[in-house]
């Protein structure tokens, strides 16, 4: 592994103010107000605010032949930015997150797309990339969404993933994985 890409967290709180799972739609926005007060308070204590929470749903045996980076920060070179997301996974105990290295000659072939909710992301063909890490992730974890990645559901399992962008309270900037992990480690979460 060329860099750390995820970190399991010592958080036991349920992420939302209600217990209902969203409908089985691939991508669905929720609101900042839907995220539980305990999660807001926990993050506020280390200078982080919740932004743009949304649900991602993986149906049984979901596989994609692409990988992607989240956001609108890609500039067709290998120096993309580490972007941290806080994820909470429900179900899918065998669903794997995979991260990829993109060879220099492939960078110019990236395609900009948008989710059904309007969030930008950049797509690469997996066949053009090299697998660098794979991990089964569940519960609460930090995740580097600025490295090309995808999700593979190997079995007949459903998986919901609440994904939250983490921003600095003072600057409003999307925080890097390293910065969020550092802040969380100061209070024993990572």
Foldseek 3Di string as FASTA:
>chain_A
DPDDFKFAWPDDDDFFPDDDDDDQDQKAWDDLNGGDPVVQVVQVVLQKGWDTKIKGKDAAQDDDQKWKFWADQQDLAQPWAFFKKKKAKDKLQPKKKWFWRADSVQSVVWDWDADPVGTIMIIGGVVRTGTDDMDRDHGIMMGGRRTTMDMGRRGRMMMMMIITFMAGNVPRDGDGPVVVVVSSVVVPTD
